[in-house]
Amino acid sequence: MIQGIPVGLIFPDDEERQVVFAKVRQAFELVARYDSRSLSRFRRDVASVLVVRTSGALAEWESTGRFVRLQLAYVKAPGTSPLEIASSLVHEGTHACLHRLGIEYAEVQRARVEGVCFRSQLAFLREVPGAEQLIANVERQLMRDPGYWTDTAFKERQVAYLRELGFPGWSIRLLTLIRGSEPSNNRLQRPGRSRCSPPAAEPDR
């Protein structure tokens, strides 16, 4: 348990256990210090955090089990700071909050959904000294073409990731048929502001 939230790591070695739990603990401490409301929402909306060896994204909200999944390689990488992990947790926690409100991760408004979550990250990061580089990174995410968030684009990234892991072509085709092209984690979609939006965020236009 970290900050009252169950955190799991499947079959870690000793080094992975030490690095991962230290970083995730520091990440939650940063959220507690600089954005206590986001931490309170996270405790309410997320059942657990699971660090896994393979994942289609560095961090993602899985609505079926109500958990946030973090990619092991991302968490333990020397270049990934606790602050970056904290920022990811704020983002995924916002997805969880929006899901609790009954807002689905529909393709037609997915870019707007992600915009709400990225602005939550910005609201958090702007409270943290020395977060300028991460702020710039999130601001670039907000400028992405909406086409990046379509089902087709998600499928293309999923296939590229499986190829990178060394999966044979036949297994990739089978997995994509089973999972479909639509992202598996149901997140948000509803026009305008929601109770999960950061106080300083401007409404979508």
N, C-alpha and C. Protein backbone atom coordinates (compact mmCIF):
# COMPACT_ATOMS: atom_id res chain seq x y z
N MET A 1 0.84 -1.20 0.00
CA MET A 1 0.00 0.00 0.00
C MET A 1 0.88 1.25 0.00
N ILE A 2 0.56 2.18 -0.88
CA ILE A 2 1.26 3.46 -0.92
C ILE A 2 0.20 4.56 -0.91
N GLN A 3 0.25 5.44 0.09
CA GLN A 3 -0.75 6.50 0.24
C GLN A 3 -2.16 5.91 0.24
N GLY A 4 -2.32 4.72 0.82
CA GLY A 4 -3.63 4.09 0.90
C GLY A 4 -4.08 3.40 -0.37
N ILE A 5 -3.18 3.27 -1.36
CA ILE A 5 -3.53 2.68 -2.65
C ILE A 5 -2.73 1.40 -2.86
N PRO A 6 -3.37 0.27 -3.13
CA PRO A 6 -2.63 -0.97 -3.40
C PRO A 6 -1.79 -0.83 -4.67
N VAL A 7 -0.52 -1.19 -4.58
CA VAL A 7 0.38 -1.15 -5.73
C VAL A 7 1.01 -2.53 -5.88
N GLY A 8 0.92 -3.09 -7.09
CA GLY A 8 1.43 -4.43 -7.32
C GLY A 8 2.44 -4.49 -8.45
N LEU A 9 3.36 -5.44 -8.36
CA LEU A 9 4.37 -5.70 -9.38
C LEU A 9 4.48 -7.21 -9.50
N ILE A 10 4.24 -7.75 -10.71
CA ILE A 10 4.18 -9.19 -10.89
C ILE A 10 5.58 -9.79 -11.07
N PHE A 11 5.92 -10.75 -10.25
CA PHE A 11 7.17 -11.50 -10.32
C PHE A 11 8.40 -10.61 -10.51
N PRO A 12 8.61 -9.65 -9.62
CA PRO A 12 9.79 -8.78 -9.77
C PRO A 12 11.04 -9.45 -9.22
N ASP A 13 12.21 -9.04 -9.72
CA ASP A 13 13.43 -9.44 -9.04
C ASP A 13 13.71 -8.39 -7.96
N ASP A 14 14.74 -8.60 -7.18
CA ASP A 14 14.99 -7.71 -6.04
C ASP A 14 15.24 -6.28 -6.47
N GLU A 15 16.02 -6.10 -7.54
CA GLU A 15 16.33 -4.74 -8.01
C GLU A 15 15.08 -4.04 -8.51
N GLU A 16 14.26 -4.75 -9.28
CA GLU A 16 13.02 -4.15 -9.79
C GLU A 16 12.12 -3.75 -8.63
N ARG A 17 11.99 -4.61 -7.64
CA ARG A 17 11.14 -4.30 -6.51
C ARG A 17 11.59 -3.01 -5.81
N GLN A 18 12.88 -2.89 -5.57
CA GLN A 18 13.40 -1.71 -4.88
C GLN A 18 13.20 -0.44 -5.70
N VAL A 19 13.55 -0.51 -6.99
CA VAL A 19 13.47 0.68 -7.84
C VAL A 19 12.02 1.11 -8.05
N VAL A 20 11.16 0.14 -8.41
CA VAL A 20 9.78 0.47 -8.75
C VAL A 20 9.02 1.02 -7.55
N PHE A 21 9.09 0.34 -6.42
CA PHE A 21 8.30 0.81 -5.28
C PHE A 21 8.84 2.13 -4.74
N ALA A 22 10.15 2.35 -4.83
CA ALA A 22 10.71 3.63 -4.39
C ALA A 22 10.20 4.76 -5.27
N LYS A 23 10.21 4.54 -6.59
CA LYS A 23 9.77 5.60 -7.52
C LYS A 23 8.27 5.87 -7.39
N VAL A 24 7.49 4.82 -7.32
CA VAL A 24 6.04 5.01 -7.22
C VAL A 24 5.69 5.68 -5.90
N ARG A 25 6.37 5.31 -4.83
CA ARG A 25 6.14 5.95 -3.53
C ARG A 25 6.46 7.46 -3.61
N GLN A 26 7.61 7.79 -4.20
CA GLN A 26 7.97 9.20 -4.35
C GLN A 26 6.98 9.93 -5.24
N ALA A 27 6.48 9.25 -6.27
CA ALA A 27 5.51 9.87 -7.17
C ALA A 27 4.23 10.23 -6.42
N PHE A 28 3.71 9.30 -5.63
CA PHE A 28 2.49 9.58 -4.88
C PHE A 28 2.73 10.66 -3.81
N GLU A 29 3.92 10.71 -3.26
CA GLU A 29 4.24 11.76 -2.30
C GLU A 29 4.20 13.14 -2.96
N LEU A 30 4.65 13.21 -4.21
CA LEU A 30 4.59 14.48 -4.94
C LEU A 30 3.15 14.89 -5.21
N VAL A 31 2.31 13.93 -5.58
CA VAL A 31 0.89 14.26 -5.81
C VAL A 31 0.25 14.71 -4.50
N ALA A 32 0.58 14.05 -3.41
CA ALA A 32 0.02 14.43 -2.11
C ALA A 32 0.44 15.84 -1.72
N ARG A 33 1.67 16.19 -2.03
CA ARG A 33 2.20 17.50 -1.63
C ARG A 33 1.65 18.64 -2.49
N TYR A 34 1.52 18.40 -3.79
CA TYR A 34 1.20 19.50 -4.70
C TYR A 34 -0.21 19.47 -5.28
N ASP A 35 -0.93 18.36 -5.14
CA ASP A 35 -2.27 18.27 -5.71
C ASP A 35 -3.10 17.27 -4.91
N SER A 36 -3.40 17.62 -3.68
CA SER A 36 -4.09 16.69 -2.78
C SER A 36 -5.47 16.30 -3.29
N ARG A 37 -6.13 17.19 -4.05
CA ARG A 37 -7.45 16.85 -4.58
C ARG A 37 -7.36 15.71 -5.59
N SER A 38 -6.31 15.75 -6.42
CA SER A 38 -6.14 14.67 -7.39
C SER A 38 -5.87 13.35 -6.66
N LEU A 39 -5.11 13.40 -5.58
CA LEU A 39 -4.84 12.19 -4.82
C LEU A 39 -6.12 11.65 -4.19
N SER A 40 -6.96 12.54 -3.67
CA SER A 40 -8.23 12.11 -3.07
C SER A 40 -9.12 11.45 -4.11
N ARG A 41 -9.19 12.02 -5.32
CA ARG A 41 -9.98 11.43 -6.39
C ARG A 41 -9.40 10.07 -6.79
N PHE A 42 -8.09 9.99 -6.83
CA PHE A 42 -7.43 8.73 -7.21
C PHE A 42 -7.81 7.64 -6.22
N ARG A 43 -7.74 7.95 -4.94
CA ARG A 43 -8.10 6.95 -3.92
C ARG A 43 -9.55 6.50 -4.07
N ARG A 44 -10.41 7.41 -4.43
CA ARG A 44 -11.84 7.10 -4.57
C ARG A 44 -12.12 6.28 -5.83
N ASP A 45 -11.45 6.60 -6.93
CA ASP A 45 -11.83 6.06 -8.23
C ASP A 45 -10.98 4.89 -8.72
N VAL A 46 -9.78 4.73 -8.18
CA VAL A 46 -8.86 3.70 -8.66
C VAL A 46 -8.70 2.63 -7.59
N ALA A 47 -8.93 1.38 -7.97
CA ALA A 47 -8.82 0.28 -7.00
C ALA A 47 -7.37 -0.07 -6.71
N SER A 48 -6.49 0.04 -7.72
CA SER A 48 -5.09 -0.34 -7.52
C SER A 48 -4.24 0.17 -8.67
N VAL A 49 -2.94 0.09 -8.48
CA VAL A 49 -1.96 0.38 -9.52
C VAL A 49 -1.17 -0.90 -9.75
N LEU A 50 -1.04 -1.30 -11.02
CA LEU A 50 -0.32 -2.53 -11.35
C LEU A 50 0.80 -2.20 -12.33
N VAL A 51 2.01 -2.58 -11.97
CA VAL A 51 3.17 -2.38 -12.84
C VAL A 51 3.42 -3.69 -13.58
N VAL A 52 3.39 -3.63 -14.92
CA VAL A 52 3.47 -4.85 -15.72
C VAL A 52 4.62 -4.77 -16.73
N ARG A 53 5.07 -5.92 -17.18
CA ARG A 53 6.21 -5.96 -18.11
C ARG A 53 5.82 -5.55 -19.52
N THR A 54 4.63 -5.88 -19.94
CA THR A 54 4.19 -5.52 -21.29
C THR A 54 2.89 -4.74 -21.21
N SER A 55 2.85 -3.67 -21.95
CA SER A 55 1.66 -2.83 -21.98
C SER A 55 1.71 -1.99 -23.25
N GLY A 56 0.56 -1.72 -23.82
CA GLY A 56 0.53 -0.93 -25.05
C GLY A 56 0.83 0.53 -24.85
N ALA A 57 0.87 0.97 -23.62
CA ALA A 57 1.14 2.37 -23.33
C ALA A 57 2.01 2.46 -22.08
N LEU A 58 2.67 3.59 -21.89
CA LEU A 58 3.49 3.77 -20.69
C LEU A 58 2.63 3.73 -19.44
N ALA A 59 1.42 4.28 -19.56
CA ALA A 59 0.47 4.29 -18.45
C ALA A 59 -0.93 4.30 -19.04
N GLU A 60 -1.84 3.56 -18.43
CA GLU A 60 -3.21 3.57 -18.94
C GLU A 60 -4.21 3.14 -17.85
N TRP A 61 -5.42 3.65 -18.00
CA TRP A 61 -6.52 3.33 -17.09
C TRP A 61 -7.27 2.14 -17.67
N GLU A 62 -7.44 1.11 -16.88
CA GLU A 62 -8.20 -0.07 -17.28
C GLU A 62 -9.51 -0.08 -16.51
N SER A 63 -10.59 0.24 -17.21
CA SER A 63 -11.88 0.43 -16.54
C SER A 63 -12.47 -0.87 -16.02
N THR A 64 -12.21 -1.99 -16.71
CA THR A 64 -12.82 -3.25 -16.32
C THR A 64 -12.44 -3.64 -14.89
N GLY A 65 -11.16 -3.52 -14.58
CA GLY A 65 -10.70 -3.86 -13.23
C GLY A 65 -10.50 -2.66 -12.34
N ARG A 66 -10.78 -1.47 -12.86
CA ARG A 66 -10.60 -0.21 -12.13
C ARG A 66 -9.17 -0.06 -11.60
N PHE A 67 -8.20 -0.32 -12.48
CA PHE A 67 -6.82 -0.13 -12.05
C PHE A 67 -6.04 0.66 -13.09
N VAL A 68 -4.97 1.29 -12.63
CA VAL A 68 -4.04 1.98 -13.51
C VAL A 68 -2.87 1.05 -13.76
N ARG A 69 -2.54 0.86 -15.02
CA ARG A 69 -1.44 -0.02 -15.41
C ARG A 69 -0.25 0.84 -15.82
N LEU A 70 0.91 0.54 -15.25
CA LEU A 70 2.16 1.23 -15.61
C LEU A 70 3.10 0.23 -16.24
N GLN A 71 3.79 0.64 -17.29
CA GLN A 71 4.75 -0.24 -17.95
C GLN A 71 6.03 -0.30 -17.13
N LEU A 72 6.50 -1.51 -16.84
CA LEU A 72 7.67 -1.70 -15.99
C LEU A 72 8.90 -0.98 -16.54
N ALA A 73 9.16 -1.13 -17.83
CA ALA A 73 10.35 -0.51 -18.42
C ALA A 73 10.32 1.01 -18.24
N TYR A 74 9.13 1.60 -18.35
CA TYR A 74 8.96 3.05 -18.17
C TYR A 74 9.26 3.45 -16.73
N VAL A 75 8.73 2.71 -15.77
CA VAL A 75 8.90 3.09 -14.37
C VAL A 75 10.35 2.96 -13.93
N LYS A 76 11.00 1.87 -14.32
CA LYS A 76 12.35 1.62 -13.80
C LYS A 76 13.46 2.30 -14.61
N ALA A 77 13.14 2.86 -15.77
CA ALA A 77 14.15 3.51 -16.60
C ALA A 77 14.83 4.65 -15.84
N PRO A 78 16.15 4.77 -15.89
CA PRO A 78 16.86 5.85 -15.20
C PRO A 78 16.38 7.24 -15.62
N GLY A 79 15.91 7.35 -16.86
CA GLY A 79 15.46 8.65 -17.34
C GLY A 79 14.06 9.03 -16.93
N THR A 80 13.34 8.11 -16.28
CA THR A 80 11.98 8.40 -15.81
C THR A 80 12.04 8.83 -14.36
N SER A 81 11.68 10.08 -14.11
CA SER A 81 11.73 10.61 -12.75
C SER A 81 10.44 10.30 -12.00
N PRO A 82 10.48 10.33 -10.67
CA PRO A 82 9.23 10.19 -9.90
C PRO A 82 8.20 11.24 -10.28
N LEU A 83 8.66 12.44 -10.65
CA LEU A 83 7.72 13.49 -11.04
C LEU A 83 7.00 13.11 -12.33
N GLU A 84 7.72 12.50 -13.28
CA GLU A 84 7.06 12.08 -14.51
C GLU A 84 6.02 11.01 -14.23
N ILE A 85 6.34 10.09 -13.34
CA ILE A 85 5.37 9.05 -12.96
C ILE A 85 4.17 9.69 -12.26
N ALA A 86 4.43 10.66 -11.39
CA ALA A 86 3.35 11.35 -10.70
C ALA A 86 2.42 12.03 -11.70
N SER A 87 3.01 12.65 -12.72
CA SER A 87 2.22 13.31 -13.76
C SER A 87 1.35 12.29 -14.50
N SER A 88 1.90 11.12 -14.79
CA SER A 88 1.13 10.05 -15.44
C SER A 88 -0.02 9.59 -14.55
N LEU A 89 0.24 9.47 -13.26
CA LEU A 89 -0.81 9.04 -12.33
C LEU A 89 -1.95 10.06 -12.28
N VAL A 90 -1.62 11.33 -12.31
CA VAL A 90 -2.66 12.37 -12.32
C VAL A 90 -3.50 12.24 -13.59
N HIS A 91 -2.83 12.03 -14.72
CA HIS A 91 -3.54 11.89 -15.99
C HIS A 91 -4.49 10.69 -15.96
N GLU A 92 -3.98 9.53 -15.56
CA GLU A 92 -4.82 8.34 -15.55
C GLU A 92 -5.89 8.40 -14.48
N GLY A 93 -5.58 9.05 -13.37
CA GLY A 93 -6.60 9.25 -12.34
C GLY A 93 -7.75 10.09 -12.83
N THR A 94 -7.46 11.05 -13.73
CA THR A 94 -8.53 11.86 -14.31
C THR A 94 -9.41 11.00 -15.21
N HIS A 95 -8.79 10.10 -15.98
CA HIS A 95 -9.59 9.15 -16.77
C HIS A 95 -10.52 8.34 -15.87
N ALA A 96 -9.98 7.89 -14.74
CA ALA A 96 -10.79 7.10 -13.81
C ALA A 96 -11.97 7.90 -13.27
N CYS A 97 -11.72 9.15 -12.94
CA CYS A 97 -12.78 10.02 -12.42
C CYS A 97 -13.87 10.22 -13.46
N LEU A 98 -13.46 10.47 -14.69
CA LEU A 98 -14.43 10.68 -15.76
C LEU A 98 -15.23 9.40 -16.03
N HIS A 99 -14.58 8.27 -15.95
CA HIS A 99 -15.29 7.00 -16.11
C HIS A 99 -16.34 6.82 -15.03
N ARG A 100 -16.01 7.20 -13.80
CA ARG A 100 -16.97 7.10 -12.70
C ARG A 100 -18.21 7.95 -12.98
N LEU A 101 -18.04 9.04 -13.70
CA LEU A 101 -19.16 9.91 -14.03
C LEU A 101 -19.99 9.38 -15.20
N GLY A 102 -19.58 8.22 -15.74
CA GLY A 102 -20.34 7.62 -16.82
C GLY A 102 -19.96 8.12 -18.20
N ILE A 103 -18.79 8.73 -18.30
CA ILE A 103 -18.33 9.29 -19.57
C ILE A 103 -17.45 8.26 -20.27
N GLU A 104 -17.86 7.83 -21.45
CA GLU A 104 -17.14 6.78 -22.16
C GLU A 104 -16.06 7.35 -23.07
N TYR A 105 -15.09 6.50 -23.39
CA TYR A 105 -13.94 6.89 -24.21
C TYR A 105 -14.27 6.71 -25.69
N ALA A 106 -15.26 7.46 -26.16
CA ALA A 106 -15.75 7.31 -27.53
C ALA A 106 -14.82 8.02 -28.52
N GLU A 107 -14.62 7.41 -29.68
CA GLU A 107 -13.69 7.95 -30.67
C GLU A 107 -14.06 9.37 -31.10
N VAL A 108 -15.35 9.63 -31.23
CA VAL A 108 -15.78 10.90 -31.79
C VAL A 108 -15.30 12.10 -30.98
N GLN A 109 -15.11 11.93 -29.67
CA GLN A 109 -14.67 13.05 -28.83
C GLN A 109 -13.41 12.72 -28.03
N ARG A 110 -12.71 11.69 -28.45
CA ARG A 110 -11.57 11.21 -27.67
C ARG A 110 -10.49 12.27 -27.49
N ALA A 111 -10.25 13.07 -28.51
CA ALA A 111 -9.23 14.12 -28.40
C ALA A 111 -9.59 15.10 -27.29
N ARG A 112 -10.88 15.41 -27.16
CA ARG A 112 -11.32 16.31 -26.10
C ARG A 112 -11.13 15.67 -24.73
N VAL A 113 -11.38 14.37 -24.65
CA VAL A 113 -11.19 13.63 -23.40
C VAL A 113 -9.73 13.74 -22.96
N GLU A 114 -8.84 13.42 -23.89
CA GLU A 114 -7.43 13.49 -23.56
C GLU A 114 -7.02 14.92 -23.18
N GLY A 115 -7.65 15.90 -23.81
CA GLY A 115 -7.36 17.29 -23.47
C GLY A 115 -7.64 17.58 -22.00
N VAL A 116 -8.77 17.08 -21.49
CA VAL A 116 -9.09 17.27 -20.08
C VAL A 116 -8.01 16.65 -19.19
N CYS A 117 -7.57 15.45 -19.56
CA CYS A 117 -6.58 14.74 -18.74
C CYS A 117 -5.22 15.43 -18.81
N PHE A 118 -4.84 15.90 -19.99
CA PHE A 118 -3.56 16.61 -20.10
C PHE A 118 -3.60 17.93 -19.32
N ARG A 119 -4.74 18.59 -19.31
CA ARG A 119 -4.83 19.84 -18.54
C ARG A 119 -4.77 19.57 -17.04
N SER A 120 -5.25 18.41 -16.62
CA SER A 120 -5.09 18.03 -15.21
C SER A 120 -3.61 17.87 -14.89
N GLN A 121 -2.87 17.24 -15.80
CA GLN A 121 -1.43 17.11 -15.61
C GLN A 121 -0.78 18.48 -15.49
N LEU A 122 -1.15 19.39 -16.39
CA LEU A 122 -0.55 20.73 -16.37
C LEU A 122 -0.85 21.46 -15.06
N ALA A 123 -2.09 21.34 -14.59
CA ALA A 123 -2.46 22.00 -13.34
C ALA A 123 -1.58 21.50 -12.20
N PHE A 124 -1.30 20.20 -12.19
CA PHE A 124 -0.41 19.61 -11.18
C PHE A 124 1.03 20.09 -11.36
N LEU A 125 1.55 19.95 -12.58
CA LEU A 125 2.96 20.26 -12.82
C LEU A 125 3.29 21.72 -12.58
N ARG A 126 2.34 22.61 -12.82
CA ARG A 126 2.61 24.04 -12.63
C ARG A 126 2.75 24.42 -11.17
N GLU A 127 2.38 23.50 -10.29
CA GLU A 127 2.56 23.73 -8.85
C GLU A 127 3.92 23.23 -8.37
N VAL A 128 4.63 22.46 -9.22
CA VAL A 128 5.87 21.80 -8.80
C VAL A 128 7.07 22.58 -9.30
N PRO A 129 7.98 22.99 -8.43
CA PRO A 129 9.20 23.69 -8.88
C PRO A 129 10.04 22.79 -9.78
N GLY A 130 10.58 23.38 -10.84
CA GLY A 130 11.49 22.65 -11.71
C GLY A 130 10.84 21.71 -12.69
N ALA A 131 9.55 21.89 -12.95
CA ALA A 131 8.83 20.97 -13.84
C ALA A 131 8.69 21.51 -15.27
N GLU A 132 9.51 22.49 -15.62
CA GLU A 132 9.34 23.18 -16.91
C GLU A 132 9.39 22.23 -18.11
N GLN A 133 10.33 21.28 -18.11
CA GLN A 133 10.46 20.38 -19.26
C GLN A 133 9.23 19.48 -19.40
N LEU A 134 8.73 18.96 -18.29
CA LEU A 134 7.54 18.12 -18.35
C LEU A 134 6.32 18.94 -18.78
N ILE A 135 6.25 20.17 -18.33
CA ILE A 135 5.15 21.05 -18.75
C ILE A 135 5.18 21.23 -20.26
N ALA A 136 6.37 21.46 -20.81
CA ALA A 136 6.51 21.63 -22.26
C ALA A 136 6.09 20.37 -22.99
N ASN A 137 6.44 19.21 -22.45
CA ASN A 137 6.07 17.94 -23.07
C ASN A 137 4.56 17.76 -23.11
N VAL A 138 3.89 18.09 -22.01
CA VAL A 138 2.43 17.93 -21.96
C VAL A 138 1.76 18.95 -22.88
N GLU A 139 2.29 20.15 -22.93
CA GLU A 139 1.73 21.16 -23.84
C GLU A 139 1.82 20.70 -25.29
N ARG A 140 2.90 19.98 -25.65
CA ARG A 140 3.00 19.44 -27.00
C ARG A 140 1.94 18.36 -27.24
N GLN A 141 1.64 17.58 -26.21
CA GLN A 141 0.58 16.56 -26.34
C GLN A 141 -0.76 17.21 -26.65
N LEU A 142 -1.01 18.35 -26.04
CA LEU A 142 -2.27 19.05 -26.28
C LEU A 142 -2.40 19.55 -27.71
N MET A 143 -1.28 19.67 -28.40
CA MET A 143 -1.28 20.18 -29.78
C MET A 143 -1.36 19.06 -30.81
N ARG A 144 -1.46 17.81 -30.38
CA ARG A 144 -1.53 16.69 -31.32
C ARG A 144 -2.74 16.82 -32.25
N ASP A 145 -2.56 16.31 -33.48
CA ASP A 145 -3.67 16.22 -34.41
C ASP A 145 -4.71 15.26 -33.84
N PRO A 146 -5.99 15.59 -33.90
CA PRO A 146 -7.03 14.70 -33.37
C PRO A 146 -6.98 13.29 -33.97
N GLY A 147 -6.43 13.16 -35.16
CA GLY A 147 -6.32 11.86 -35.80
C GLY A 147 -5.46 10.88 -35.02
N TYR A 148 -4.62 11.38 -34.14
CA TYR A 148 -3.76 10.52 -33.33
C TYR A 148 -4.58 9.63 -32.41
N TRP A 149 -5.79 10.09 -32.06
CA TRP A 149 -6.60 9.39 -31.06
C TRP A 149 -7.67 8.50 -31.68
N THR A 150 -7.66 8.31 -33.00
CA THR A 150 -8.68 7.47 -33.64
C THR A 150 -8.41 5.99 -33.38
N ASP A 151 -9.44 5.16 -33.60
CA ASP A 151 -9.29 3.72 -33.43
C ASP A 151 -8.20 3.17 -34.36
N THR A 152 -8.17 3.67 -35.59
CA THR A 152 -7.17 3.20 -36.54
C THR A 152 -5.76 3.50 -36.06
N ALA A 153 -5.56 4.71 -35.57
CA ALA A 153 -4.24 5.08 -35.07
C ALA A 153 -3.84 4.24 -33.87
N PHE A 154 -4.79 3.96 -32.98
CA PHE A 154 -4.50 3.10 -31.82
C PHE A 154 -4.07 1.72 -32.30
N LYS A 155 -4.77 1.17 -33.31
CA LYS A 155 -4.43 -0.16 -33.80
C LYS A 155 -3.04 -0.17 -34.41
N GLU A 156 -2.70 0.87 -35.17
CA GLU A 156 -1.37 0.93 -35.78
C GLU A 156 -0.27 0.96 -34.72
N ARG A 157 -0.49 1.71 -33.65
CA ARG A 157 0.51 1.77 -32.57
C ARG A 157 0.58 0.43 -31.84
N GLN A 158 -0.56 -0.22 -31.67
CA GLN A 158 -0.59 -1.53 -31.01
C GLN A 158 0.22 -2.55 -31.80
N VAL A 159 0.03 -2.58 -33.13
CA VAL A 159 0.75 -3.52 -33.99
C VAL A 159 2.25 -3.22 -33.96
N ALA A 160 2.61 -1.95 -34.04
CA ALA A 160 4.03 -1.57 -34.01
C ALA A 160 4.68 -1.99 -32.70
N TYR A 161 3.95 -1.86 -31.60
CA TYR A 161 4.50 -2.24 -30.29
C TYR A 161 4.71 -3.76 -30.21
N LEU A 162 3.75 -4.53 -30.71
CA LEU A 162 3.88 -5.99 -30.67
C LEU A 162 5.04 -6.45 -31.56
N ARG A 163 5.23 -5.78 -32.68
CA ARG A 163 6.37 -6.11 -33.55
C ARG A 163 7.68 -5.82 -32.84
N GLU A 164 7.70 -4.70 -32.13
CA GLU A 164 8.90 -4.32 -31.39
C GLU A 164 9.24 -5.36 -30.32
N LEU A 165 8.22 -5.98 -29.74
CA LEU A 165 8.43 -7.01 -28.73
C LEU A 165 8.84 -8.35 -29.34
N GLY A 166 8.75 -8.45 -30.68
CA GLY A 166 9.17 -9.68 -31.33
C GLY A 166 8.06 -10.68 -31.59
N PHE A 167 6.80 -10.27 -31.47
CA PHE A 167 5.69 -11.17 -31.74
C PHE A 167 5.66 -11.51 -33.23
N PRO A 168 5.43 -12.79 -33.60
CA PRO A 168 5.31 -13.15 -35.02
C PRO A 168 4.04 -12.55 -35.62
N GLY A 169 4.05 -12.41 -36.94
CA GLY A 169 2.94 -11.77 -37.63
C GLY A 169 1.61 -12.43 -37.38
N TRP A 170 1.57 -13.78 -37.37
CA TRP A 170 0.29 -14.47 -37.19
C TRP A 170 -0.31 -14.18 -35.82
N SER A 171 0.56 -14.08 -34.77
CA SER A 171 0.04 -13.82 -33.43
C SER A 171 -0.45 -12.38 -33.30
N ILE A 172 0.20 -11.48 -34.01
CA ILE A 172 -0.24 -10.08 -33.99
C ILE A 172 -1.63 -9.98 -34.62
N ARG A 173 -1.81 -10.66 -35.76
CA ARG A 173 -3.13 -10.63 -36.41
C ARG A 173 -4.20 -11.23 -35.52
N LEU A 174 -3.85 -12.31 -34.82
CA LEU A 174 -4.81 -12.96 -33.93
C LEU A 174 -5.17 -12.04 -32.76
N LEU A 175 -4.16 -11.42 -32.16
CA LEU A 175 -4.40 -10.55 -31.01
C LEU A 175 -5.24 -9.35 -31.39
N THR A 176 -4.97 -8.77 -32.55
CA THR A 176 -5.74 -7.60 -32.96
C THR A 176 -7.18 -7.98 -33.29
N LEU A 177 -7.39 -9.21 -33.80
CA LEU A 177 -8.76 -9.67 -34.05
C LEU A 177 -9.52 -9.86 -32.75
N ILE A 178 -8.83 -10.42 -31.74
CA ILE A 178 -9.46 -10.68 -30.44
C ILE A 178 -9.79 -9.38 -29.74
N ARG A 179 -8.82 -8.45 -29.73
CA ARG A 179 -8.99 -7.21 -28.98
C ARG A 179 -9.76 -6.16 -29.76
N GLY A 180 -9.71 -6.24 -31.10
CA GLY A 180 -10.35 -5.22 -31.91
C GLY A 180 -9.47 -3.99 -31.98
N SER A 181 -9.86 -3.03 -32.79
CA SER A 181 -9.05 -1.83 -32.98
C SER A 181 -9.35 -0.75 -31.96
N GLU A 182 -10.48 -0.87 -31.27
CA GLU A 182 -10.85 0.17 -30.32
C GLU A 182 -10.07 0.01 -29.02
N PRO A 183 -9.57 1.10 -28.44
CA PRO A 183 -8.84 1.02 -27.18
C PRO A 183 -9.65 0.28 -26.12
N SER A 184 -8.96 -0.54 -25.33
CA SER A 184 -9.67 -1.40 -24.38
C SER A 184 -10.14 -0.67 -23.14
N ASN A 185 -9.50 0.44 -22.82
CA ASN A 185 -9.88 1.12 -21.58
C ASN A 185 -10.91 2.20 -21.87
N ASN A 186 -12.08 2.05 -21.29
CA ASN A 186 -13.15 3.03 -21.48
C ASN A 186 -12.86 4.25 -20.63
N ARG A 187 -12.73 5.38 -21.29
CA ARG A 187 -12.40 6.58 -20.55
C ARG A 187 -13.55 7.56 -20.65
N LEU A 188 -13.36 8.74 -21.27
CA LEU A 188 -14.40 9.72 -21.14
C LEU A 188 -14.95 10.23 -22.45
N GLN A 189 -16.07 10.86 -22.45
CA GLN A 189 -16.50 11.71 -23.50
C GLN A 189 -17.82 12.37 -23.26
N ARG A 190 -17.73 13.62 -23.07
CA ARG A 190 -18.89 14.47 -22.87
C ARG A 190 -18.43 15.89 -23.12
N PRO A 191 -19.19 16.69 -23.89
CA PRO A 191 -18.74 18.05 -24.16
C PRO A 191 -18.65 18.88 -22.89
N GLY A 192 -17.76 19.88 -22.94
CA GLY A 192 -17.69 20.84 -21.84
C GLY A 192 -16.90 20.37 -20.66
N ARG A 193 -16.99 21.11 -19.55
CA ARG A 193 -16.25 20.83 -18.34
C ARG A 193 -16.91 19.73 -17.52
N SER A 194 -16.13 19.09 -16.67
CA SER A 194 -16.67 18.10 -15.75
C SER A 194 -16.08 18.34 -14.37
N ARG A 195 -16.59 17.62 -13.38
CA ARG A 195 -16.08 17.78 -12.03
C ARG A 195 -14.66 17.25 -11.89
N CYS A 196 -14.13 16.57 -12.90
CA CYS A 196 -12.75 16.09 -12.86
C CYS A 196 -11.79 17.09 -13.47
N SER A 197 -12.30 18.14 -14.11
CA SER A 197 -11.43 19.09 -14.75
C SER A 197 -10.67 19.92 -13.73
N PRO A 198 -9.42 20.31 -14.01
CA PRO A 198 -8.68 21.17 -13.10
C PRO A 198 -9.34 22.54 -13.02
N PRO A 199 -9.32 23.21 -11.86
CA PRO A 199 -10.01 24.46 -11.68
C PRO A 199 -9.64 25.53 -12.69
N ALA A 200 -8.36 25.55 -13.13
CA ALA A 200 -7.91 26.62 -14.00
C ALA A 200 -8.09 26.31 -15.47
N ALA A 201 -8.62 25.13 -15.80
CA ALA A 201 -8.72 24.74 -17.21
C ALA A 201 -9.79 25.56 -17.91
N GLU A 202 -9.52 25.90 -19.17
CA GLU A 202 -10.50 26.59 -19.98
C GLU A 202 -11.42 25.56 -20.61
N PRO A 203 -12.66 25.92 -20.86
CA PRO A 203 -13.57 24.97 -21.50
C PRO A 203 -13.13 24.66 -22.92
N ASP A 204 -13.44 23.45 -23.42
CA ASP A 204 -13.13 23.10 -24.79
C ASP A 204 -13.93 23.97 -25.75
N ARG A 205 -13.30 24.26 -26.87
CA ARG A 205 -13.99 25.12 -27.84
C ARG A 205 -14.28 24.32 -29.11
